[in-house]
Amino acid sequence: TMANQEKTVRCTLKTVGDCSAFLARIIRQTYAGKLDSQELSRYANAVQVLSKILETSDLQQRLEVLEAKQ
């Protein structure tokens, strides 16, 4: 079964765009039967949290730049 197979997921998730691309990839893998829906759910939840952190960090950096110009 899929649950018994060893899986290695390699990806670079440094931007919100990276997170979006990764989510699209694992959705395609799920539809192709390479990933089960529980794995998709776990990865998607983790990537969603990371995406929010990256987005907040980016906004914080932009705000700091704007404040420094004042």
N, C-alpha and C. Protein backbone atom coordinates (compact mmCIF):
# COMPACT_ATOMS: atom_id res chain seq x y z
N THR A 1 0.84 -1.19 0.00
CA THR A 1 0.00 0.00 0.00
C THR A 1 0.87 1.24 0.00
N MET A 2 0.26 2.35 -0.32
CA MET A 2 1.01 3.61 -0.34
C MET A 2 1.56 3.96 1.02
N ALA A 3 0.84 3.65 2.07
CA ALA A 3 1.27 4.00 3.42
C ALA A 3 2.57 3.28 3.80
N ASN A 4 2.81 2.13 3.20
CA ASN A 4 4.01 1.37 3.53
C ASN A 4 5.22 1.76 2.69
N GLN A 5 5.02 2.55 1.66
CA GLN A 5 6.11 2.96 0.80
C GLN A 5 6.86 4.11 1.45
N GLU A 6 8.18 4.06 1.33
CA GLU A 6 8.99 5.17 1.83
C GLU A 6 8.96 6.29 0.82
N LYS A 7 8.72 7.50 1.28
CA LYS A 7 8.65 8.65 0.38
C LYS A 7 9.63 9.72 0.84
N THR A 8 10.26 10.34 -0.12
CA THR A 8 11.11 11.48 0.15
C THR A 8 10.58 12.64 -0.67
N VAL A 9 10.32 13.74 0.00
CA VAL A 9 9.83 14.93 -0.68
C VAL A 9 10.92 15.98 -0.59
N ARG A 10 11.40 16.38 -1.75
CA ARG A 10 12.43 17.42 -1.79
C ARG A 10 11.85 18.64 -2.47
N CYS A 11 12.01 19.77 -1.82
CA CYS A 11 11.50 21.01 -2.40
C CYS A 11 12.15 22.18 -1.69
N THR A 12 12.13 23.31 -2.36
CA THR A 12 12.59 24.55 -1.77
C THR A 12 11.37 25.43 -1.58
N LEU A 13 11.09 25.77 -0.35
CA LEU A 13 9.92 26.58 -0.04
C LEU A 13 10.39 27.87 0.63
N LYS A 14 10.88 28.79 -0.19
CA LYS A 14 11.39 30.06 0.34
C LYS A 14 10.45 31.22 0.09
N THR A 15 9.48 31.02 -0.80
CA THR A 15 8.55 32.10 -1.13
C THR A 15 7.12 31.56 -1.14
N VAL A 16 6.16 32.48 -1.12
CA VAL A 16 4.76 32.07 -1.23
C VAL A 16 4.54 31.39 -2.58
N GLY A 17 5.21 31.87 -3.62
CA GLY A 17 5.11 31.24 -4.94
C GLY A 17 5.61 29.81 -4.93
N ASP A 18 6.71 29.56 -4.20
CA ASP A 18 7.23 28.19 -4.06
C ASP A 18 6.18 27.30 -3.40
N CYS A 19 5.53 27.83 -2.37
CA CYS A 19 4.50 27.07 -1.65
C CYS A 19 3.34 26.74 -2.58
N SER A 20 2.93 27.70 -3.37
CA SER A 20 1.83 27.50 -4.31
C SER A 20 2.19 26.43 -5.34
N ALA A 21 3.38 26.49 -5.88
CA ALA A 21 3.83 25.51 -6.86
C ALA A 21 3.90 24.12 -6.24
N PHE A 22 4.38 24.03 -5.01
CA PHE A 22 4.46 22.74 -4.33
C PHE A 22 3.07 22.16 -4.11
N LEU A 23 2.13 22.99 -3.68
CA LEU A 23 0.76 22.52 -3.48
C LEU A 23 0.18 21.99 -4.79
N ALA A 24 0.40 22.70 -5.87
CA ALA A 24 -0.09 22.24 -7.18
C ALA A 24 0.52 20.89 -7.53
N ARG A 25 1.81 20.74 -7.24
CA ARG A 25 2.50 19.48 -7.54
C ARG A 25 1.94 18.32 -6.75
N ILE A 26 1.70 18.53 -5.45
CA ILE A 26 1.21 17.39 -4.65
C ILE A 26 -0.26 17.09 -4.96
N ILE A 27 -1.00 18.08 -5.39
CA ILE A 27 -2.38 17.81 -5.83
C ILE A 27 -2.34 16.94 -7.08
N ARG A 28 -1.47 17.28 -8.03
CA ARG A 28 -1.33 16.46 -9.24
C ARG A 28 -0.89 15.04 -8.89
N GLN A 29 0.04 14.91 -7.94
CA GLN A 29 0.51 13.59 -7.53
C GLN A 29 -0.61 12.78 -6.88
N THR A 30 -1.47 13.44 -6.14
CA THR A 30 -2.60 12.76 -5.52
C THR A 30 -3.55 12.24 -6.58
N TYR A 31 -3.88 13.09 -7.56
CA TYR A 31 -4.76 12.66 -8.66
C TYR A 31 -4.15 11.51 -9.45
N ALA A 32 -2.82 11.48 -9.54
CA ALA A 32 -2.13 10.41 -10.28
C ALA A 32 -1.97 9.14 -9.44
N GLY A 33 -2.39 9.18 -8.18
CA GLY A 33 -2.28 8.00 -7.32
C GLY A 33 -0.93 7.81 -6.66
N LYS A 34 -0.06 8.81 -6.74
CA LYS A 34 1.27 8.71 -6.15
C LYS A 34 1.31 9.15 -4.70
N LEU A 35 0.26 9.83 -4.26
CA LEU A 35 0.17 10.34 -2.90
C LEU A 35 -1.27 10.12 -2.44
N ASP A 36 -1.45 9.67 -1.21
CA ASP A 36 -2.84 9.48 -0.77
C ASP A 36 -3.39 10.78 -0.18
N SER A 37 -4.68 10.83 -0.04
CA SER A 37 -5.34 12.08 0.38
C SER A 37 -4.93 12.51 1.79
N GLN A 38 -4.62 11.56 2.66
CA GLN A 38 -4.17 11.94 4.01
C GLN A 38 -2.82 12.63 3.95
N GLU A 39 -1.93 12.12 3.09
CA GLU A 39 -0.63 12.77 2.93
C GLU A 39 -0.80 14.15 2.32
N LEU A 40 -1.66 14.25 1.33
CA LEU A 40 -1.93 15.55 0.73
C LEU A 40 -2.40 16.53 1.79
N SER A 41 -3.30 16.10 2.63
CA SER A 41 -3.84 16.96 3.68
C SER A 41 -2.74 17.40 4.64
N ARG A 42 -1.90 16.48 5.06
CA ARG A 42 -0.81 16.84 6.00
C ARG A 42 0.16 17.84 5.37
N TYR A 43 0.59 17.55 4.14
CA TYR A 43 1.51 18.46 3.46
C TYR A 43 0.86 19.81 3.23
N ALA A 44 -0.39 19.81 2.76
CA ALA A 44 -1.08 21.06 2.46
C ALA A 44 -1.22 21.92 3.71
N ASN A 45 -1.54 21.31 4.83
CA ASN A 45 -1.65 22.08 6.07
C ASN A 45 -0.32 22.71 6.46
N ALA A 46 0.74 21.93 6.39
CA ALA A 46 2.06 22.44 6.75
C ALA A 46 2.49 23.57 5.81
N VAL A 47 2.26 23.38 4.51
CA VAL A 47 2.66 24.38 3.54
C VAL A 47 1.82 25.65 3.68
N GLN A 48 0.56 25.50 4.05
CA GLN A 48 -0.29 26.67 4.28
C GLN A 48 0.23 27.50 5.44
N VAL A 49 0.62 26.84 6.51
CA VAL A 49 1.19 27.56 7.67
C VAL A 49 2.48 28.27 7.25
N LEU A 50 3.35 27.56 6.55
CA LEU A 50 4.61 28.16 6.10
C LEU A 50 4.35 29.34 5.18
N SER A 51 3.40 29.21 4.29
CA SER A 51 3.06 30.29 3.37
C SER A 51 2.63 31.55 4.12
N LYS A 52 1.82 31.38 5.15
CA LYS A 52 1.38 32.53 5.95
C LYS A 52 2.57 33.18 6.67
N ILE A 53 3.47 32.36 7.18
CA ILE A 53 4.66 32.89 7.85
C ILE A 53 5.50 33.69 6.87
N LEU A 54 5.71 33.14 5.66
CA LEU A 54 6.50 33.84 4.65
C LEU A 54 5.83 35.15 4.24
N GLU A 55 4.52 35.11 4.08
CA GLU A 55 3.78 36.30 3.69
C GLU A 55 3.88 37.38 4.77
N THR A 56 3.73 36.99 6.02
CA THR A 56 3.82 37.93 7.13
C THR A 56 5.23 38.51 7.24
N SER A 57 6.23 37.67 7.06
CA SER A 57 7.62 38.12 7.12
C SER A 57 7.90 39.14 6.01
N ASP A 58 7.39 38.85 4.81
CA ASP A 58 7.58 39.77 3.69
C ASP A 58 6.91 41.11 3.97
N LEU A 59 5.70 41.08 4.50
CA LEU A 59 5.00 42.33 4.82
C LEU A 59 5.72 43.11 5.91
N GLN A 60 6.25 42.40 6.89
CA GLN A 60 6.99 43.06 7.97
C GLN A 60 8.24 43.75 7.41
N GLN A 61 8.95 43.07 6.53
CA GLN A 61 10.14 43.67 5.93
C GLN A 61 9.79 44.92 5.12
N ARG A 62 8.70 44.85 4.35
CA ARG A 62 8.28 46.00 3.55
C ARG A 62 7.88 47.17 4.45
N LEU A 63 7.19 46.88 5.53
CA LEU A 63 6.79 47.92 6.46
C LEU A 63 8.00 48.58 7.10
N GLU A 64 8.98 47.78 7.48
CA GLU A 64 10.19 48.33 8.07
C GLU A 64 10.92 49.26 7.11
N VAL A 65 10.95 48.89 5.83
CA VAL A 65 11.58 49.75 4.81
C VAL A 65 10.83 51.07 4.70
N LEU A 66 9.50 50.99 4.65
CA LEU A 66 8.69 52.21 4.56
C LEU A 66 8.88 53.10 5.79
N GLU A 67 8.91 52.50 6.95
CA GLU A 67 9.08 53.28 8.18
C GLU A 67 10.46 53.91 8.25
N ALA A 68 11.47 53.24 7.73
CA ALA A 68 12.82 53.77 7.75
C ALA A 68 12.95 55.00 6.83
N LYS A 69 12.11 55.08 5.81
CA LYS A 69 12.17 56.21 4.87
C LYS A 69 11.50 57.45 5.43
N GLN A 70 10.72 57.32 6.49
CA GLN A 70 10.00 58.46 7.05
C GLN A 70 10.85 59.23 8.02
